[in-house]
C-alpha cells in the first residue's frame, strides 16, 4: 500500500486503541485482585485473632482447674480444635504446661514470636509495603514485624499479593516499552 493511504492508518490506530484498552483492562483486573487479596488477608487475620482470644479463654479455664491437671476432656478437645484451626491460617508450634494450657508460637522453629501465652494473645496485623505485605504481632501496644509466617493461608496471601504486585509492575513496564517503541517508529515515519 502507498504511504498516503488512510485505510491502513485507520486500522493501525484502531488496533493501537484495542491494545491500549487491553493493557488498561489487564491492569484494572490485576489491581482488583490485589485489593481483594489484601481484603481477604485482613478477614482471615480477624478470624485467627478471634481464635487466639478463644484459646486465651480456654487457657484461663484450664489454669483455674488447679494444679492437679484434672481438666475435663471436652475442654482439652476444644483447645486442640482451636489450635488446629489456627494452624490452617499460620504455621505454629505449641507447648503445653502441666495443666494443659497452651503457649502458641508463630513458625516451626519453636523459637518464633509468642502468639498466645497462658492468658494473653498478641494479635496479628498486616500492612502493605512497597513490594508486598508485612505481618506484625502486637504486644504491649507495640507492633513487632515478623518473618516467621512461612506456611498456612496467611503465607499464601502474602505470596499471592507479592506476585500480583510484580505482575502489575511487569504490565506497566511492558506497556511503557511498547509505547516507547511505537513512538520511536512513528518518529521515523513519513509525514503527509
N, C-alpha and C. Protein backbone atom coordinates (compact mmCIF):
# COMPACT_ATOMS: atom_id res chain seq x y z
N UNK A 1 0.84 -1.19 0.00
CA UNK A 1 0.00 0.00 0.00
C UNK A 1 0.88 1.24 0.00
N UNK A 2 0.31 2.31 -0.48
CA UNK A 2 1.04 3.58 -0.57
C UNK A 2 1.07 4.25 0.80
N UNK A 3 2.17 4.96 1.11
CA UNK A 3 2.29 5.62 2.41
C UNK A 3 1.16 6.60 2.70
N UNK A 4 0.54 7.15 1.66
CA UNK A 4 -0.51 8.13 1.87
C UNK A 4 -1.89 7.52 2.06
N UNK A 5 -2.05 6.21 1.92
CA UNK A 5 -3.36 5.57 2.08
C UNK A 5 -3.82 5.70 3.54
N UNK A 6 -5.08 6.09 3.70
CA UNK A 6 -5.60 6.29 5.05
C UNK A 6 -6.16 5.01 5.66
N UNK A 7 -6.62 4.06 4.87
CA UNK A 7 -7.23 2.84 5.42
C UNK A 7 -6.26 2.08 6.33
N UNK A 8 -5.03 1.80 5.92
CA UNK A 8 -4.12 1.09 6.84
C UNK A 8 -3.82 1.89 8.10
N UNK A 9 -3.79 3.21 7.95
CA UNK A 9 -3.54 4.05 9.14
C UNK A 9 -4.70 3.92 10.13
N UNK A 10 -5.90 3.93 9.61
CA UNK A 10 -7.08 3.81 10.48
C UNK A 10 -7.06 2.46 11.19
N UNK A 11 -6.74 1.40 10.44
CA UNK A 11 -6.65 0.07 11.05
C UNK A 11 -5.57 0.04 12.13
N UNK A 12 -4.43 0.64 11.85
CA UNK A 12 -3.34 0.66 12.82
C UNK A 12 -3.74 1.43 14.08
N UNK A 13 -4.43 2.57 13.89
CA UNK A 13 -4.86 3.37 15.03
C UNK A 13 -5.87 2.59 15.87
N UNK A 14 -6.83 1.95 15.23
CA UNK A 14 -7.84 1.18 15.96
C UNK A 14 -7.21 -0.02 16.69
N UNK A 15 -6.25 -0.66 16.04
CA UNK A 15 -5.54 -1.77 16.67
C UNK A 15 -4.76 -1.26 17.89
N UNK A 16 -4.17 -0.08 17.76
CA UNK A 16 -3.47 0.53 18.89
C UNK A 16 -4.40 0.84 20.04
N UNK A 17 -5.59 1.36 19.73
CA UNK A 17 -6.59 1.63 20.78
C UNK A 17 -7.00 0.33 21.47
N UNK A 18 -7.22 -0.73 20.69
CA UNK A 18 -7.62 -2.02 21.26
C UNK A 18 -6.53 -2.56 22.18
N UNK A 19 -5.26 -2.42 21.76
CA UNK A 19 -4.15 -2.89 22.58
C UNK A 19 -4.04 -2.07 23.87
N UNK A 20 -4.21 -0.76 23.76
CA UNK A 20 -4.17 0.10 24.95
C UNK A 20 -5.30 -0.28 25.92
N UNK A 21 -6.48 -0.55 25.35
CA UNK A 21 -7.61 -0.98 26.19
C UNK A 21 -7.29 -2.30 26.88
N UNK A 22 -6.62 -3.20 26.18
CA UNK A 22 -6.24 -4.49 26.78
C UNK A 22 -5.27 -4.28 27.94
N UNK A 23 -4.29 -3.41 27.75
CA UNK A 23 -3.36 -3.10 28.84
C UNK A 23 -4.12 -2.51 30.04
N UNK A 24 -5.03 -1.58 29.77
CA UNK A 24 -5.80 -0.94 30.85
C UNK A 24 -6.67 -1.98 31.58
N UNK A 25 -7.36 -2.82 30.81
CA UNK A 25 -8.25 -3.81 31.41
C UNK A 25 -7.45 -4.82 32.26
N UNK A 26 -6.32 -5.24 31.74
CA UNK A 26 -5.48 -6.18 32.49
C UNK A 26 -5.00 -5.54 33.79
N UNK A 27 -4.64 -4.27 33.71
CA UNK A 27 -4.20 -3.55 34.90
C UNK A 27 -5.33 -3.41 35.92
N UNK A 28 -6.54 -3.12 35.44
CA UNK A 28 -7.70 -2.99 36.34
C UNK A 28 -7.98 -4.32 37.04
N UNK A 29 -7.97 -5.41 36.27
CA UNK A 29 -8.23 -6.73 36.84
C UNK A 29 -7.17 -7.08 37.88
N UNK A 30 -5.90 -6.83 37.55
CA UNK A 30 -4.81 -7.14 38.48
C UNK A 30 -4.92 -6.30 39.74
N UNK A 31 -5.27 -5.03 39.61
CA UNK A 31 -5.42 -4.18 40.80
C UNK A 31 -6.61 -4.61 41.65
N UNK A 32 -7.70 -5.04 41.00
CA UNK A 32 -8.85 -5.57 41.75
C UNK A 32 -8.45 -6.83 42.51
N UNK A 33 -7.66 -7.67 41.87
CA UNK A 33 -7.19 -8.90 42.51
C UNK A 33 -6.29 -8.56 43.70
N UNK A 34 -5.44 -7.57 43.55
CA UNK A 34 -4.57 -7.13 44.63
C UNK A 34 -5.39 -6.63 45.83
N UNK A 35 -6.40 -5.81 45.54
CA UNK A 35 -7.27 -5.29 46.59
C UNK A 35 -8.03 -6.42 47.27
N UNK A 36 -8.55 -7.36 46.48
CA UNK A 36 -9.28 -8.50 47.04
C UNK A 36 -8.42 -9.39 47.91
N UNK A 37 -7.17 -9.59 47.49
CA UNK A 37 -6.24 -10.41 48.27
C UNK A 37 -5.96 -9.76 49.63
N UNK A 38 -5.74 -8.46 49.63
CA UNK A 38 -5.49 -7.75 50.89
C UNK A 38 -6.73 -7.78 51.78
N UNK A 39 -7.91 -7.64 51.18
CA UNK A 39 -9.16 -7.69 51.95
C UNK A 39 -9.34 -9.08 52.58
N UNK A 40 -9.10 -10.13 51.80
CA UNK A 40 -9.24 -11.49 52.33
C UNK A 40 -8.21 -11.75 53.42
N UNK A 41 -7.00 -11.22 53.25
CA UNK A 41 -5.97 -11.35 54.28
C UNK A 41 -6.45 -10.74 55.59
N UNK A 42 -7.01 -9.55 55.50
CA UNK A 42 -7.49 -8.87 56.72
C UNK A 42 -8.64 -9.64 57.37
N UNK A 43 -9.52 -10.22 56.56
CA UNK A 43 -10.63 -11.01 57.12
C UNK A 43 -10.09 -12.24 57.84
N UNK A 44 -9.12 -12.91 57.24
CA UNK A 44 -8.55 -14.10 57.88
C UNK A 44 -7.75 -13.74 59.13
N UNK A 45 -7.14 -12.58 59.14
CA UNK A 45 -6.43 -12.14 60.35
C UNK A 45 -7.43 -11.90 61.48
N UNK A 46 -8.57 -11.34 61.16
CA UNK A 46 -9.62 -11.18 62.18
C UNK A 46 -10.01 -12.55 62.73
N UNK A 47 -10.20 -13.52 61.82
CA UNK A 47 -10.60 -14.87 62.24
C UNK A 47 -9.54 -15.52 63.13
N UNK A 48 -8.26 -15.42 62.75
CA UNK A 48 -7.22 -16.06 63.54
C UNK A 48 -7.05 -15.36 64.89
N UNK A 49 -7.27 -14.05 64.93
CA UNK A 49 -7.19 -13.33 66.21
C UNK A 49 -8.36 -13.69 67.13
N UNK A 50 -9.53 -13.94 66.55
CA UNK A 50 -10.68 -14.40 67.35
C UNK A 50 -10.36 -15.78 67.93
N UNK A 51 -9.76 -16.65 67.12
CA UNK A 51 -9.37 -17.98 67.60
C UNK A 51 -8.35 -17.86 68.73
N UNK A 52 -7.42 -16.93 68.61
CA UNK A 52 -6.42 -16.73 69.66
C UNK A 52 -7.10 -16.30 70.96
N UNK A 53 -8.07 -15.41 70.88
CA UNK A 53 -8.79 -14.99 72.08
C UNK A 53 -9.58 -16.15 72.68
N UNK A 54 -10.13 -17.00 71.83
CA UNK A 54 -10.83 -18.19 72.32
C UNK A 54 -9.86 -19.11 73.06
N UNK A 55 -8.66 -19.26 72.52
CA UNK A 55 -7.65 -20.08 73.18
C UNK A 55 -7.24 -19.48 74.52
N UNK A 56 -7.17 -18.16 74.60
CA UNK A 56 -6.86 -17.49 75.86
C UNK A 56 -7.92 -17.85 76.91
N UNK A 57 -9.19 -17.85 76.52
CA UNK A 57 -10.28 -18.20 77.45
C UNK A 57 -10.16 -19.66 77.88
N UNK A 58 -9.85 -20.54 76.94
CA UNK A 58 -9.68 -21.95 77.28
C UNK A 58 -8.50 -22.13 78.22
N UNK A 59 -7.38 -21.44 77.94
CA UNK A 59 -6.22 -21.50 78.83
C UNK A 59 -6.57 -21.05 80.24
N UNK A 60 -7.36 -19.96 80.34
CA UNK A 60 -7.74 -19.46 81.66
C UNK A 60 -8.56 -20.51 82.41
N UNK A 61 -9.45 -21.17 81.71
CA UNK A 61 -10.25 -22.24 82.35
C UNK A 61 -9.37 -23.40 82.78
N UNK A 62 -8.41 -23.76 81.92
CA UNK A 62 -7.52 -24.87 82.25
C UNK A 62 -6.64 -24.53 83.45
N UNK A 63 -6.17 -23.29 83.53
CA UNK A 63 -5.31 -22.89 84.64
C UNK A 63 -6.11 -22.79 85.93
N UNK A 64 -7.38 -22.46 85.82
CA UNK A 64 -8.19 -22.36 87.04
C UNK A 64 -8.66 -23.73 87.52
N UNK A 65 -8.41 -24.77 86.71
CA UNK A 65 -8.82 -26.12 87.13
C UNK A 65 -7.88 -26.69 88.19
N UNK A 66 -6.87 -25.92 88.52
CA UNK A 66 -5.97 -26.34 89.60
C UNK A 66 -4.71 -26.98 89.07
N UNK A 67 -3.79 -27.19 89.99
CA UNK A 67 -2.50 -27.77 89.63
C UNK A 67 -2.58 -29.27 89.41
N UNK A 68 -3.72 -29.81 89.67
CA UNK A 68 -3.85 -31.27 89.56
C UNK A 68 -3.80 -31.74 88.12
N UNK A 69 -4.05 -30.84 87.17
CA UNK A 69 -4.06 -31.25 85.77
C UNK A 69 -5.28 -32.08 85.44
N UNK A 70 -6.35 -31.95 86.22
CA UNK A 70 -7.57 -32.73 86.01
C UNK A 70 -8.59 -31.97 85.16
N UNK A 71 -8.13 -31.37 84.08
CA UNK A 71 -9.05 -30.65 83.19
C UNK A 71 -9.95 -31.66 82.50
N UNK A 72 -11.18 -31.23 82.25
CA UNK A 72 -12.08 -32.18 81.60
C UNK A 72 -11.71 -32.34 80.12
N UNK A 73 -12.05 -33.49 79.60
CA UNK A 73 -11.66 -33.84 78.23
C UNK A 73 -12.29 -32.92 77.18
N UNK A 74 -13.50 -32.46 77.44
CA UNK A 74 -14.17 -31.57 76.49
C UNK A 74 -13.38 -30.27 76.32
N UNK A 75 -12.86 -29.75 77.43
CA UNK A 75 -12.07 -28.53 77.37
C UNK A 75 -10.76 -28.76 76.62
N UNK A 76 -10.12 -29.90 76.86
CA UNK A 76 -8.89 -30.23 76.14
C UNK A 76 -9.17 -30.42 74.65
N UNK A 77 -10.30 -31.04 74.33
CA UNK A 77 -10.69 -31.20 72.92
C UNK A 77 -10.93 -29.84 72.26
N UNK A 78 -11.57 -28.93 72.99
CA UNK A 78 -11.80 -27.58 72.47
C UNK A 78 -10.48 -26.87 72.21
N UNK A 79 -9.55 -27.01 73.15
CA UNK A 79 -8.23 -26.41 72.98
C UNK A 79 -7.57 -26.94 71.71
N UNK A 80 -7.61 -28.25 71.54
CA UNK A 80 -6.97 -28.87 70.37
C UNK A 80 -7.64 -28.44 69.07
N UNK A 81 -8.97 -28.30 69.10
CA UNK A 81 -9.70 -27.87 67.90
C UNK A 81 -9.31 -26.45 67.53
N UNK A 82 -9.23 -25.57 68.52
CA UNK A 82 -8.86 -24.17 68.26
C UNK A 82 -7.42 -24.09 67.73
N UNK A 83 -6.52 -24.85 68.31
CA UNK A 83 -5.13 -24.86 67.84
C UNK A 83 -5.07 -25.37 66.40
N UNK A 84 -5.85 -26.40 66.10
CA UNK A 84 -5.90 -26.93 64.73
C UNK A 84 -6.41 -25.87 63.75
N UNK A 85 -7.44 -25.13 64.15
CA UNK A 85 -7.99 -24.08 63.29
C UNK A 85 -6.96 -22.96 63.08
N UNK A 86 -6.25 -22.57 64.12
CA UNK A 86 -5.21 -21.54 63.99
C UNK A 86 -4.15 -21.99 63.00
N UNK A 87 -3.80 -23.29 63.07
CA UNK A 87 -2.73 -23.80 62.21
C UNK A 87 -3.10 -23.79 60.73
N UNK A 88 -4.37 -23.64 60.40
CA UNK A 88 -4.77 -23.52 59.00
C UNK A 88 -4.41 -22.15 58.44
N UNK A 89 -4.34 -21.17 59.32
CA UNK A 89 -4.03 -19.81 58.90
C UNK A 89 -2.53 -19.52 58.93
N UNK A 90 -1.83 -20.10 59.91
CA UNK A 90 -0.42 -19.78 60.11
C UNK A 90 0.26 -20.98 60.77
N UNK A 91 1.48 -21.27 60.33
CA UNK A 91 2.23 -22.36 60.93
C UNK A 91 2.62 -21.98 62.36
N UNK A 92 2.39 -22.92 63.29
CA UNK A 92 2.64 -22.65 64.70
C UNK A 92 3.33 -23.83 65.37
N UNK A 93 3.93 -23.55 66.51
CA UNK A 93 4.39 -24.60 67.42
C UNK A 93 3.68 -24.36 68.74
N UNK A 94 3.41 -25.46 69.43
CA UNK A 94 2.62 -25.38 70.66
C UNK A 94 3.34 -26.09 71.80
N UNK A 95 3.38 -25.47 72.95
CA UNK A 95 3.88 -26.08 74.18
C UNK A 95 2.73 -26.09 75.18
N UNK A 96 2.57 -27.22 75.86
CA UNK A 96 1.51 -27.36 76.86
C UNK A 96 2.13 -27.42 78.25
N UNK A 97 1.52 -26.70 79.19
CA UNK A 97 2.02 -26.81 80.57
C UNK A 97 1.34 -27.99 81.26
N UNK A 98 1.63 -28.17 82.53
CA UNK A 98 1.12 -29.34 83.27
C UNK A 98 -0.40 -29.36 83.38
N UNK A 99 -1.03 -28.20 83.25
CA UNK A 99 -2.49 -28.15 83.34
C UNK A 99 -3.16 -28.22 81.97
N UNK A 100 -2.34 -28.22 80.92
CA UNK A 100 -2.88 -28.31 79.58
C UNK A 100 -3.02 -26.97 78.87
N UNK A 101 -2.64 -25.87 79.54
CA UNK A 101 -2.70 -24.56 78.91
C UNK A 101 -1.64 -24.48 77.81
N UNK A 102 -2.01 -23.86 76.69
CA UNK A 102 -1.13 -23.84 75.52
C UNK A 102 -0.42 -22.51 75.36
N UNK A 103 0.86 -22.59 75.03
CA UNK A 103 1.62 -21.44 74.56
C UNK A 103 1.86 -21.69 73.08
N UNK A 104 1.42 -20.75 72.26
CA UNK A 104 1.50 -20.90 70.80
C UNK A 104 2.48 -19.88 70.26
N UNK A 105 3.44 -20.39 69.48
CA UNK A 105 4.43 -19.52 68.83
C UNK A 105 4.25 -19.58 67.32
N UNK A 106 4.52 -18.48 66.66
CA UNK A 106 4.45 -18.41 65.21
C UNK A 106 5.70 -19.08 64.63
N UNK A 107 5.52 -19.86 63.57
CA UNK A 107 6.64 -20.52 62.89
C UNK A 107 6.84 -21.94 63.37
N UNK A 108 7.78 -22.62 62.72
CA UNK A 108 8.01 -24.03 63.04
C UNK A 108 9.26 -24.28 63.87
N UNK A 109 9.96 -23.22 64.23
CA UNK A 109 11.23 -23.39 64.95
C UNK A 109 11.04 -23.63 66.44
N UNK A 110 9.89 -23.26 66.98
CA UNK A 110 9.69 -23.34 68.42
C UNK A 110 10.24 -22.11 69.14
N UNK A 111 10.92 -21.24 68.38
CA UNK A 111 11.51 -20.02 68.95
C UNK A 111 10.89 -18.76 68.38
N UNK A 112 9.81 -18.91 67.61
CA UNK A 112 9.17 -17.76 66.98
C UNK A 112 8.48 -16.88 68.00
N UNK A 113 7.93 -15.77 67.55
CA UNK A 113 7.24 -14.86 68.47
C UNK A 113 6.01 -15.54 69.07
N UNK A 114 5.73 -15.21 70.32
CA UNK A 114 4.61 -15.80 71.05
C UNK A 114 3.31 -15.16 70.56
N UNK A 115 2.39 -16.01 70.12
CA UNK A 115 1.08 -15.57 69.64
C UNK A 115 0.06 -15.66 70.78
N UNK A 116 0.06 -16.78 71.51
CA UNK A 116 -0.80 -16.96 72.67
C UNK A 116 0.04 -17.52 73.80
N UNK A 117 -0.05 -16.88 74.96
CA UNK A 117 0.68 -17.36 76.13
C UNK A 117 -0.24 -17.27 77.33
N UNK A 118 -0.58 -18.43 77.87
CA UNK A 118 -1.46 -18.51 79.03
C UNK A 118 -2.71 -17.64 78.86
N UNK A 119 -2.73 -16.49 79.50
CA UNK A 119 -3.94 -15.67 79.47
C UNK A 119 -3.79 -14.39 78.64
N UNK A 120 -2.93 -14.42 77.63
CA UNK A 120 -2.80 -13.24 76.77
C UNK A 120 -2.50 -13.68 75.33
N UNK A 121 -2.93 -12.83 74.41
CA UNK A 121 -2.67 -13.07 72.98
C UNK A 121 -2.03 -11.82 72.39
N UNK A 122 -1.19 -12.02 71.39
CA UNK A 122 -0.58 -10.92 70.65
C UNK A 122 -1.20 -10.92 69.26
N UNK A 123 -2.19 -10.06 69.04
CA UNK A 123 -2.91 -10.10 67.75
C UNK A 123 -1.98 -9.87 66.55
N UNK A 124 -2.31 -10.55 65.47
CA UNK A 124 -1.59 -10.37 64.21
C UNK A 124 -2.23 -9.22 63.45
N UNK A 125 -1.41 -8.43 62.78
CA UNK A 125 -1.91 -7.37 61.90
C UNK A 125 -1.13 -7.43 60.59
N UNK A 126 -1.60 -6.70 59.60
CA UNK A 126 -0.94 -6.70 58.29
C UNK A 126 -0.86 -5.26 57.79
N UNK A 127 0.23 -4.97 57.09
CA UNK A 127 0.41 -3.66 56.47
C UNK A 127 0.99 -3.88 55.08
N UNK A 128 0.55 -3.03 54.16
CA UNK A 128 1.09 -3.11 52.79
C UNK A 128 2.44 -2.42 52.76
N UNK A 129 3.42 -3.05 52.10
CA UNK A 129 4.74 -2.45 51.90
C UNK A 129 4.92 -2.17 50.41
N UNK A 130 6.04 -1.60 50.04
CA UNK A 130 6.25 -1.25 48.64
C UNK A 130 6.29 -2.46 47.73
N UNK A 131 6.64 -3.64 48.25
CA UNK A 131 6.74 -4.81 47.38
C UNK A 131 5.92 -6.00 47.85
N UNK A 132 5.06 -5.81 48.86
CA UNK A 132 4.27 -6.93 49.35
C UNK A 132 3.49 -6.53 50.60
N UNK A 133 3.35 -7.50 51.51
CA UNK A 133 2.69 -7.22 52.78
C UNK A 133 3.56 -7.71 53.92
N UNK A 134 3.44 -7.04 55.05
CA UNK A 134 4.23 -7.35 56.24
C UNK A 134 3.28 -7.67 57.39
N UNK A 135 3.51 -8.82 58.01
CA UNK A 135 2.73 -9.20 59.18
C UNK A 135 3.46 -8.74 60.43
N UNK A 136 2.66 -8.39 61.45
CA UNK A 136 3.22 -7.97 62.74
C UNK A 136 2.38 -8.59 63.85
N UNK A 137 3.01 -8.74 65.01
CA UNK A 137 2.30 -9.14 66.22
C UNK A 137 2.31 -7.96 67.16
N UNK A 138 1.17 -7.68 67.78
CA UNK A 138 1.04 -6.55 68.68
C UNK A 138 1.11 -7.04 70.11
N UNK A 139 2.05 -6.45 70.85
CA UNK A 139 2.21 -6.82 72.25
C UNK A 139 2.59 -5.57 73.03
N UNK A 140 1.87 -5.29 74.07
CA UNK A 140 2.18 -4.12 74.89
C UNK A 140 2.01 -2.82 74.14
N UNK A 141 1.10 -2.77 73.18
CA UNK A 141 0.86 -1.56 72.41
C UNK A 141 1.85 -1.31 71.30
N UNK A 142 2.78 -2.24 71.09
CA UNK A 142 3.78 -2.07 70.02
C UNK A 142 3.62 -3.19 69.00
N UNK A 143 3.76 -2.84 67.73
CA UNK A 143 3.73 -3.83 66.67
C UNK A 143 5.15 -4.28 66.37
N UNK A 144 5.35 -5.60 66.38
CA UNK A 144 6.67 -6.18 66.09
C UNK A 144 6.54 -6.98 64.79
N UNK A 145 7.16 -6.49 63.70
CA UNK A 145 7.10 -7.23 62.43
C UNK A 145 7.68 -8.63 62.60
N UNK A 146 7.10 -9.59 61.88
CA UNK A 146 7.61 -10.95 61.92
C UNK A 146 7.76 -11.51 60.52
N UNK A 147 8.81 -12.29 60.34
CA UNK A 147 9.01 -13.00 59.07
C UNK A 147 8.81 -14.50 59.28
N UNK A 148 8.21 -14.87 60.41
CA UNK A 148 8.04 -16.28 60.77
C UNK A 148 6.79 -16.92 60.16
N UNK A 149 5.99 -16.16 59.43
CA UNK A 149 4.80 -16.74 58.81
C UNK A 149 5.22 -17.36 57.49
N UNK A 150 5.55 -18.67 57.55
CA UNK A 150 6.13 -19.36 56.41
C UNK A 150 5.21 -20.40 55.78
N UNK A 151 4.07 -20.66 56.37
CA UNK A 151 3.10 -21.61 55.84
C UNK A 151 1.71 -21.19 56.27
N UNK A 152 0.70 -21.82 55.69
CA UNK A 152 -0.68 -21.54 56.02
C UNK A 152 -1.28 -20.51 55.08
N UNK A 153 -2.54 -20.21 55.32
CA UNK A 153 -3.28 -19.29 54.45
C UNK A 153 -2.63 -17.91 54.39
N UNK A 154 -2.15 -17.41 55.54
CA UNK A 154 -1.55 -16.07 55.54
C UNK A 154 -0.30 -16.01 54.67
N UNK A 155 0.49 -17.07 54.65
CA UNK A 155 1.66 -17.12 53.77
C UNK A 155 1.21 -17.13 52.31
N UNK A 156 0.14 -17.89 52.03
CA UNK A 156 -0.39 -17.93 50.67
C UNK A 156 -0.83 -16.56 50.20
N UNK A 157 -1.51 -15.81 51.07
CA UNK A 157 -1.92 -14.45 50.70
C UNK A 157 -0.72 -13.55 50.46
N UNK A 158 0.29 -13.68 51.30
CA UNK A 158 1.50 -12.88 51.14
C UNK A 158 2.17 -13.18 49.79
N UNK A 159 2.30 -14.46 49.47
CA UNK A 159 2.90 -14.84 48.19
C UNK A 159 2.07 -14.34 47.02
N UNK A 160 0.74 -14.50 47.11
CA UNK A 160 -0.15 -14.04 46.03
C UNK A 160 -0.05 -12.54 45.86
N UNK A 161 -0.07 -11.80 46.97
CA UNK A 161 0.00 -10.34 46.92
C UNK A 161 1.30 -9.89 46.25
N UNK A 162 2.41 -10.51 46.63
CA UNK A 162 3.71 -10.16 46.05
C UNK A 162 3.72 -10.46 44.55
N UNK A 163 3.20 -11.61 44.16
CA UNK A 163 3.17 -11.98 42.74
C UNK A 163 2.28 -11.04 41.94
N UNK A 164 1.12 -10.70 42.47
CA UNK A 164 0.21 -9.79 41.77
C UNK A 164 0.86 -8.42 41.62
N UNK A 165 1.50 -7.96 42.68
CA UNK A 165 2.16 -6.65 42.63
C UNK A 165 3.27 -6.64 41.57
N UNK A 166 4.03 -7.74 41.49
CA UNK A 166 5.08 -7.86 40.48
C UNK A 166 4.47 -7.90 39.08
N UNK A 167 3.35 -8.60 38.94
CA UNK A 167 2.68 -8.69 37.65
C UNK A 167 2.21 -7.31 37.19
N UNK A 168 1.67 -6.53 38.11
CA UNK A 168 1.23 -5.17 37.78
C UNK A 168 2.42 -4.34 37.30
N UNK A 169 3.54 -4.45 37.99
CA UNK A 169 4.75 -3.73 37.58
C UNK A 169 5.20 -4.18 36.20
N UNK A 170 5.17 -5.50 35.96
CA UNK A 170 5.56 -6.03 34.65
C UNK A 170 4.65 -5.52 33.54
N UNK A 171 3.34 -5.48 33.80
CA UNK A 171 2.39 -4.97 32.81
C UNK A 171 2.67 -3.51 32.51
N UNK A 172 2.90 -2.72 33.55
CA UNK A 172 3.21 -1.30 33.36
C UNK A 172 4.48 -1.11 32.55
N UNK A 173 5.50 -1.90 32.87
CA UNK A 173 6.76 -1.79 32.13
C UNK A 173 6.60 -2.21 30.68
N UNK A 174 5.81 -3.27 30.44
CA UNK A 174 5.58 -3.73 29.08
C UNK A 174 4.83 -2.66 28.28
N UNK A 175 3.81 -2.05 28.88
CA UNK A 175 3.05 -1.01 28.20
C UNK A 175 3.95 0.19 27.90
N UNK A 176 4.79 0.55 28.86
CA UNK A 176 5.70 1.68 28.65
C UNK A 176 6.68 1.39 27.51
N UNK A 177 7.28 0.19 27.54
CA UNK A 177 8.24 -0.17 26.49
C UNK A 177 7.56 -0.21 25.13
N UNK A 178 6.36 -0.76 25.07
CA UNK A 178 5.63 -0.83 23.80
C UNK A 178 5.35 0.58 23.28
N UNK A 179 4.90 1.46 24.16
CA UNK A 179 4.61 2.84 23.77
C UNK A 179 5.86 3.54 23.25
N UNK A 180 6.97 3.34 23.95
CA UNK A 180 8.23 3.95 23.52
C UNK A 180 8.63 3.46 22.13
N UNK A 181 8.49 2.16 21.88
CA UNK A 181 8.87 1.60 20.58
C UNK A 181 7.95 2.10 19.47
N UNK A 182 6.64 2.17 19.74
CA UNK A 182 5.70 2.68 18.73
C UNK A 182 5.99 4.15 18.44
N UNK A 183 6.24 4.94 19.47
CA UNK A 183 6.55 6.35 19.27
C UNK A 183 7.84 6.53 18.47
N UNK A 184 8.84 5.69 18.76
CA UNK A 184 10.09 5.75 18.00
C UNK A 184 9.84 5.42 16.54
N UNK A 185 9.01 4.43 16.29
CA UNK A 185 8.69 4.05 14.91
C UNK A 185 7.96 5.19 14.21
N UNK A 186 7.06 5.86 14.93
CA UNK A 186 6.33 7.00 14.34
C UNK A 186 7.28 8.12 13.99
N UNK A 187 8.28 8.36 14.81
CA UNK A 187 9.25 9.43 14.54
C UNK A 187 10.04 9.16 13.26
N UNK A 188 10.17 7.89 12.91
CA UNK A 188 10.90 7.53 11.68
C UNK A 188 9.99 7.46 10.46
N UNK A 189 8.69 7.68 10.64
CA UNK A 189 7.73 7.53 9.56
C UNK A 189 7.70 8.73 8.63
N UNK A 190 6.76 8.65 7.67
CA UNK A 190 6.58 9.70 6.68
C UNK A 190 5.46 10.66 7.09
N UNK A 191 5.66 11.93 6.82
CA UNK A 191 4.60 12.92 7.03
C UNK A 191 3.88 13.18 5.72
N UNK A 192 2.64 13.55 5.78
CA UNK A 192 1.88 13.89 4.57
C UNK A 192 1.90 15.39 4.33
